[in-house]
């Protein structure tokens, strides 16, 4: 084992030590990986803004239905009140198989409820949680009753921006000393 040096060794030859932690665009996920994560993950850190312009984030179960991330709420919850006044939202989702891969989606939520969607959402939730698509009707009906508050609404995120980050790739680049950035002007 070699002795530590007083000068930090750059992770990327020819770049300052901090380079990879500052220029993270090189660590974006491919589109197919982004959509795999969004359609298979169970939880998201979901943010909204209160009437007093205070940010709030909570860990929520969500479902990907009809090409949208969708959560549910009743009117006595803070997200319901906040999104009724300001529909801006942000969902941060991480890969269930690798928490160093993250997808952040921003957009506007649309509040709605139809009885057809209400039933579809509950069936999809029960299937996802149980890992089964063939649950007996009585099990689905019992779950339906748990969620059958007439005040329940659904919030479908209309995505305006997607950001992604592969922390594992960044660590590999740093460990192996790879320069994955194009030449910068003046270099």
C-alpha atoms as a PDB file:
ATOM      1  CA  UNK A   1       0.000   0.000   0.000  1.00  0.00           C
ATOM      2  CA  UNK A   2       1.415   3.366  -0.952  1.00  0.00           C
ATOM      3  CA  UNK A   3       1.500   6.315   1.398  1.00  0.00           C
ATOM      4  CA  UNK A   4      -1.048   9.060   0.839  1.00  0.00           C
ATOM      5  CA  UNK A   5       0.313  12.114  -0.889  1.00  0.00           C
ATOM      6  CA  UNK A   6      -0.326  15.668   0.238  1.00  0.00           C
ATOM      7  CA  UNK A   7      -1.659  16.564  -3.206  1.00  0.00           C
ATOM      8  CA  UNK A   8      -4.966  14.933  -4.155  1.00  0.00           C
ATOM      9  CA  UNK A   9      -4.597  12.799  -7.259  1.00  0.00           C
ATOM     10  CA  UNK A  10      -7.023  13.916 -10.004  1.00  0.00           C
ATOM     11  CA  UNK A  11      -9.638  11.284 -10.728  1.00  0.00           C
ATOM     12  CA  UNK A  12      -9.414  12.120 -14.438  1.00  0.00           C
ATOM     13  CA  UNK A  13      -5.920  12.792 -15.834  1.00  0.00           C
ATOM     14  CA  UNK A  14      -5.662  16.381 -17.019  1.00  0.00           C
ATOM     15  CA  UNK A  15      -8.803  17.451 -15.139  1.00  0.00           C
ATOM     16  CA  UNK A  16      -9.146  18.898 -11.625  1.00  0.00           C
ATOM     17  CA  UNK A  17     -10.229  16.440  -8.908  1.00  0.00           C
ATOM     18  CA  UNK A  18     -13.699  17.956  -8.731  1.00  0.00           C
ATOM     19  CA  UNK A  19     -14.342  17.760 -12.517  1.00  0.00           C
ATOM     20  CA  UNK A  20     -16.593  14.692 -12.611  1.00  0.00           C
ATOM     21  CA  UNK A  21     -18.710  15.957  -9.701  1.00  0.00           C
ATOM     22  CA  UNK A  22     -19.321  19.282 -11.412  1.00  0.00           C
ATOM     23  CA  UNK A  23     -19.826  18.222 -15.050  1.00  0.00           C
ATOM     24  CA  UNK A  24     -22.422  15.511 -14.471  1.00  0.00           C
ATOM     25  CA  UNK A  25     -24.184  15.714 -17.856  1.00  0.00           C
ATOM     26  CA  UNK A  26     -21.877  12.932 -19.001  1.00  0.00           C
ATOM     27  CA  UNK A  27     -23.682  10.616 -16.573  1.00  0.00           C
ATOM     28  CA  UNK A  28     -27.192  10.826 -17.973  1.00  0.00           C
ATOM     29  CA  UNK A  29     -29.153   7.645 -18.519  1.00  0.00           C
ATOM     30  CA  UNK A  30     -30.239   6.437 -21.950  1.00  0.00           C
ATOM     31  CA  UNK A  31     -33.934   6.925 -22.790  1.00  0.00           C
ATOM     32  CA  UNK A  32     -34.782   3.209 -22.581  1.00  0.00           C
ATOM     33  CA  UNK A  33     -33.205   3.051 -19.105  1.00  0.00           C
ATOM     34  CA  UNK A  34     -35.173   6.121 -17.990  1.00  0.00           C
ATOM     35  CA  UNK A  35     -38.473   4.585 -19.078  1.00  0.00           C
ATOM     36  CA  UNK A  36     -37.596   1.194 -17.569  1.00  0.00           C
ATOM     37  CA  UNK A  37     -37.035   2.878 -14.205  1.00  0.00           C
ATOM     38  CA  UNK A  38     -40.192   5.012 -14.395  1.00  0.00           C
ATOM     39  CA  UNK A  39     -42.357   2.019 -15.302  1.00  0.00           C
ATOM     40  CA  UNK A  40     -40.921  -0.466 -12.772  1.00  0.00           C
ATOM     41  CA  UNK A  41     -40.179   1.536  -9.606  1.00  0.00           C
ATOM     42  CA  UNK A  42     -42.697   1.600  -6.755  1.00  0.00           C
ATOM     43  CA  UNK A  43     -41.826   4.796  -4.916  1.00  0.00           C
ATOM     44  CA  UNK A  44     -40.966   8.380  -5.724  1.00  0.00           C
ATOM     45  CA  UNK A  45     -39.864  11.343  -3.664  1.00  0.00           C
ATOM     46  CA  UNK A  46     -42.643  13.731  -4.704  1.00  0.00           C
ATOM     47  CA  UNK A  47     -42.461  17.499  -4.171  1.00  0.00           C
ATOM     48  CA  UNK A  48     -44.976  20.306  -4.204  1.00  0.00           C
ATOM     49  CA  UNK A  49     -45.125  23.908  -2.987  1.00  0.00           C
ATOM     50  CA  UNK A  50     -47.438  25.110  -0.206  1.00  0.00           C
ATOM     51  CA  UNK A  51     -49.538  28.280  -0.317  1.00  0.00           C
ATOM     52  CA  UNK A  52     -46.757  29.953   1.734  1.00  0.00           C
ATOM     53  CA  UNK A  53     -44.226  28.977  -0.980  1.00  0.00           C
ATOM     54  CA  UNK A  54     -42.646  26.317   1.232  1.00  0.00           C
ATOM     55  CA  UNK A  55     -41.381  23.177  -0.516  1.00  0.00           C
ATOM     56  CA  UNK A  56     -42.603  19.809   0.725  1.00  0.00           C
ATOM     57  CA  UNK A  57     -41.387  16.349  -0.273  1.00  0.00           C
ATOM     58  CA  UNK A  58     -42.858  12.991   0.667  1.00  0.00           C
ATOM     59  CA  UNK A  59     -42.146   9.423  -0.344  1.00  0.00           C
ATOM     60  CA  UNK A  60     -45.210   8.217  -2.276  1.00  0.00           C
ATOM     61  CA  UNK A  61     -46.292   5.067  -4.036  1.00  0.00           C
ATOM     62  CA  UNK A  62     -47.109   5.790  -7.637  1.00  0.00           C
ATOM     63  CA  UNK A  63     -48.275   3.925 -10.687  1.00  0.00           C
ATOM     64  CA  UNK A  64     -47.356   4.411 -14.322  1.00  0.00           C
ATOM     65  CA  UNK A  65     -50.725   4.281 -16.088  1.00  0.00           C
ATOM     66  CA  UNK A  66     -51.627   5.579 -19.539  1.00  0.00           C
ATOM     67  CA  UNK A  67     -48.069   6.915 -19.996  1.00  0.00           C
ATOM     68  CA  UNK A  68     -48.226   9.065 -16.837  1.00  0.00           C
ATOM     69  CA  UNK A  69     -46.906   8.837 -13.303  1.00  0.00           C
ATOM     70  CA  UNK A  70     -50.020   8.903 -11.139  1.00  0.00           C
ATOM     71  CA  UNK A  71     -50.600   9.316  -7.394  1.00  0.00           C
ATOM     72  CA  UNK A  72     -53.774   9.571  -5.364  1.00  0.00           C
ATOM     73  CA  UNK A  73     -55.016  11.741  -2.498  1.00  0.00           C
ATOM     74  CA  UNK A  74     -58.075  12.865  -0.604  1.00  0.00           C
ATOM     75  CA  UNK A  75     -58.837  16.532   0.016  1.00  0.00           C
ATOM     76  CA  UNK A  76     -57.656  16.491   3.635  1.00  0.00           C
ATOM     77  CA  UNK A  77     -54.028  15.957   2.533  1.00  0.00           C
ATOM     78  CA  UNK A  78     -51.509  18.743   2.013  1.00  0.00           C
ATOM     79  CA  UNK A  79     -50.548  17.644  -1.510  1.00  0.00           C
ATOM     80  CA  UNK A  80     -54.198  17.843  -2.557  1.00  0.00           C
ATOM     81  CA  UNK A  81     -54.536  21.414  -1.295  1.00  0.00           C
ATOM     82  CA  UNK A  82     -51.160  22.449  -2.706  1.00  0.00           C
ATOM     83  CA  UNK A  83     -51.738  20.963  -6.157  1.00  0.00           C
ATOM     84  CA  UNK A  84     -55.242  22.423  -6.293  1.00  0.00           C
ATOM     85  CA  UNK A  85     -53.650  25.862  -5.987  1.00  0.00           C
ATOM     86  CA  UNK A  86     -50.383  25.231  -7.880  1.00  0.00           C
ATOM     87  CA  UNK A  87     -50.090  22.094 -10.016  1.00  0.00           C
ATOM     88  CA  UNK A  88     -46.267  22.239 -10.273  1.00  0.00           C
ATOM     89  CA  UNK A  89     -44.717  18.946  -9.175  1.00  0.00           C
ATOM     90  CA  UNK A  90     -41.452  17.053  -9.170  1.00  0.00           C
ATOM     91  CA  UNK A  91     -41.011  13.281  -8.847  1.00  0.00           C
ATOM     92  CA  UNK A  92     -37.595  11.762  -8.144  1.00  0.00           C
ATOM     93  CA  UNK A  93     -37.513   8.035  -8.881  1.00  0.00           C
ATOM     94  CA  UNK A  94     -34.582   5.685  -8.419  1.00  0.00           C
ATOM     95  CA  UNK A  95     -33.875   2.347 -10.025  1.00  0.00           C
ATOM     96  CA  UNK A  96     -35.228  -0.425  -7.767  1.00  0.00           C
ATOM     97  CA  UNK A  97     -32.165  -2.496  -8.713  1.00  0.00           C
ATOM     98  CA  UNK A  98     -29.563   0.277  -8.372  1.00  0.00           C
ATOM     99  CA  UNK A  99     -30.262   3.316  -6.200  1.00  0.00           C
ATOM    100  CA  UNK A 100     -27.367   5.190  -7.801  1.00  0.00           C
ATOM    101  CA  UNK A 101     -29.493   5.564 -10.953  1.00  0.00           C
ATOM    102  CA  UNK A 102     -32.061   8.334 -10.589  1.00  0.00           C
ATOM    103  CA  UNK A 103     -34.682   9.979 -12.756  1.00  0.00           C
ATOM    104  CA  UNK A 104     -36.193  13.347 -11.868  1.00  0.00           C
ATOM    105  CA  UNK A 105     -39.327  14.418 -13.713  1.00  0.00           C
ATOM    106  CA  UNK A 106     -40.907  17.847 -13.501  1.00  0.00           C
ATOM    107  CA  UNK A 107     -44.251  18.973 -14.720  1.00  0.00           C
ATOM    108  CA  UNK A 108     -47.822  19.851 -13.892  1.00  0.00           C
ATOM    109  CA  UNK A 109     -50.329  17.526 -12.275  1.00  0.00           C
ATOM    110  CA  UNK A 110     -53.850  17.170 -13.543  1.00  0.00           C
ATOM    111  CA  UNK A 111     -56.454  16.296 -10.894  1.00  0.00           C
ATOM    112  CA  UNK A 112     -59.289  13.990 -11.971  1.00  0.00           C
ATOM    113  CA  UNK A 113     -61.444  11.018 -11.077  1.00  0.00           C
ATOM    114  CA  UNK A 114     -63.515   8.672 -13.141  1.00  0.00           C
ATOM    115  CA  UNK A 115     -64.948   5.461 -11.756  1.00  0.00           C
ATOM    116  CA  UNK A 116     -63.245   3.474 -14.516  1.00  0.00           C
ATOM    117  CA  UNK A 117     -59.821   4.924 -13.697  1.00  0.00           C
ATOM    118  CA  UNK A 118     -60.466   4.552  -9.957  1.00  0.00           C
ATOM    119  CA  UNK A 119     -60.997   0.822 -10.375  1.00  0.00           C
ATOM    120  CA  UNK A 120     -58.058   0.469 -12.825  1.00  0.00           C
ATOM    121  CA  UNK A 121     -55.723   2.261 -10.397  1.00  0.00           C
ATOM    122  CA  UNK A 122     -56.699   0.024  -7.473  1.00  0.00           C
ATOM    123  CA  UNK A 123     -56.366  -3.134  -9.583  1.00  0.00           C
ATOM    124  CA  UNK A 124     -52.944  -2.007 -10.835  1.00  0.00           C
ATOM    125  CA  UNK A 125     -51.808  -1.133  -7.298  1.00  0.00           C
ATOM    126  CA  UNK A 126     -52.892  -4.494  -5.877  1.00  0.00           C
ATOM    127  CA  UNK A 127     -51.234  -6.340  -8.775  1.00  0.00           C
ATOM    128  CA  UNK A 128     -47.998  -4.396  -8.324  1.00  0.00           C
ATOM    129  CA  UNK A 129     -47.862  -4.816  -4.547  1.00  0.00           C
ATOM    130  CA  UNK A 130     -48.764  -8.510  -4.646  1.00  0.00           C
ATOM    131  CA  UNK A 131     -46.737  -9.313  -7.763  1.00  0.00           C
ATOM    132  CA  UNK A 132     -49.801 -11.086  -9.173  1.00  0.00           C
ATOM    133  CA  UNK A 133     -52.249 -10.259 -11.953  1.00  0.00           C
ATOM    134  CA  UNK A 134     -54.641 -13.080 -11.078  1.00  0.00           C
ATOM    135  CA  UNK A 135     -55.983 -12.076  -7.661  1.00  0.00           C
ATOM    136  CA  UNK A 136     -59.427 -13.330  -6.690  1.00  0.00           C
ATOM    137  CA  UNK A 137     -62.287 -10.878  -7.112  1.00  0.00           C
ATOM    138  CA  UNK A 138     -62.948 -10.782  -3.353  1.00  0.00           C
ATOM    139  CA  UNK A 139     -59.374  -9.605  -2.700  1.00  0.00           C
ATOM    140  CA  UNK A 140     -59.745  -6.819  -5.265  1.00  0.00           C
ATOM    141  CA  UNK A 141     -63.121  -5.799  -3.809  1.00  0.00           C
ATOM    142  CA  UNK A 142     -61.669  -5.612  -0.292  1.00  0.00           C
ATOM    143  CA  UNK A 143     -58.863  -3.335  -1.560  1.00  0.00           C
ATOM    144  CA  UNK A 144     -61.367  -1.321  -3.563  1.00  0.00           C
ATOM    145  CA  UNK A 145     -63.317  -0.598  -0.348  1.00  0.00           C
ATOM    146  CA  UNK A 146     -60.115   0.672   1.354  1.00  0.00           C
ATOM    147  CA  UNK A 147     -59.678   3.273  -1.378  1.00  0.00           C
ATOM    148  CA  UNK A 148     -63.324   3.957  -2.184  1.00  0.00           C
ATOM    149  CA  UNK A 149     -63.534   7.337  -0.478  1.00  0.00           C
ATOM    150  CA  UNK A 150     -65.764   9.462  -2.753  1.00  0.00           C
ATOM    151  CA  UNK A 151     -63.380  12.340  -2.042  1.00  0.00           C
ATOM    152  CA  UNK A 152     -60.389  10.469  -3.546  1.00  0.00           C
ATOM    153  CA  UNK A 153     -58.800  12.056  -6.598  1.00  0.00           C
ATOM    154  CA  UNK A 154     -55.927  11.102  -8.889  1.00  0.00           C
ATOM    155  CA  UNK A 155     -53.027  13.287  -9.939  1.00  0.00           C
ATOM    156  CA  UNK A 156     -51.509  12.537 -13.326  1.00  0.00           C
ATOM    157  CA  UNK A 157     -48.136  14.163 -13.988  1.00  0.00           C
ATOM    158  CA  UNK A 158     -47.765  15.818 -17.394  1.00  0.00           C
ATOM    159  CA  UNK A 159     -44.004  15.739 -17.777  1.00  0.00           C
ATOM    160  CA  UNK A 160     -42.283  18.870 -19.033  1.00  0.00           C
ATOM    161  CA  UNK A 161     -38.677  17.966 -18.191  1.00  0.00           C
ATOM    162  CA  UNK A 162     -36.729  14.795 -17.431  1.00  0.00           C
ATOM    163  CA  UNK A 163     -33.313  14.768 -15.805  1.00  0.00           C
ATOM    164  CA  UNK A 164     -31.351  11.612 -15.095  1.00  0.00           C
ATOM    165  CA  UNK A 165     -28.183  10.621 -13.336  1.00  0.00           C
ATOM    166  CA  UNK A 166     -26.100   7.460 -13.236  1.00  0.00           C
ATOM    167  CA  UNK A 167     -23.965   7.646 -10.108  1.00  0.00           C
ATOM    168  CA  UNK A 168     -22.494   4.207 -10.760  1.00  0.00           C
ATOM    169  CA  UNK A 169     -21.161   5.400 -14.131  1.00  0.00           C
ATOM    170  CA  UNK A 170     -19.622   8.452 -12.450  1.00  0.00           C
ATOM    171  CA  UNK A 171     -17.866   6.265  -9.878  1.00  0.00           C
ATOM    172  CA  UNK A 172     -16.554   3.970 -12.622  1.00  0.00           C
ATOM    173  CA  UNK A 173     -15.231   6.938 -14.622  1.00  0.00           C
ATOM    174  CA  UNK A 174     -13.493   8.305 -11.518  1.00  0.00           C
ATOM    175  CA  UNK A 175     -12.067   4.940 -10.442  1.00  0.00           C
ATOM    176  CA  UNK A 176     -10.761   4.108 -13.916  1.00  0.00           C
ATOM    177  CA  UNK A 177      -9.616   7.648 -14.736  1.00  0.00           C
ATOM    178  CA  UNK A 178     -11.678   7.845 -17.934  1.00  0.00           C
ATOM    179  CA  UNK A 179     -12.212  11.155 -19.689  1.00  0.00           C
ATOM    180  CA  UNK A 180     -15.724  10.979 -21.107  1.00  0.00           C
ATOM    181  CA  UNK A 181     -16.105  14.689 -21.845  1.00  0.00           C
ATOM    182  CA  UNK A 182     -15.590  16.234 -25.265  1.00  0.00           C
ATOM    183  CA  UNK A 183     -12.830  18.760 -25.714  1.00  0.00           C
ATOM    184  CA  UNK A 184     -13.805  22.137 -24.328  1.00  0.00           C
ATOM    185  CA  UNK A 185     -13.222  25.328 -26.302  1.00  0.00           C
ATOM    186  CA  UNK A 186      -9.676  26.538 -25.744  1.00  0.00           C
ATOM    187  CA  UNK A 187      -8.316  23.105 -24.793  1.00  0.00           C
END
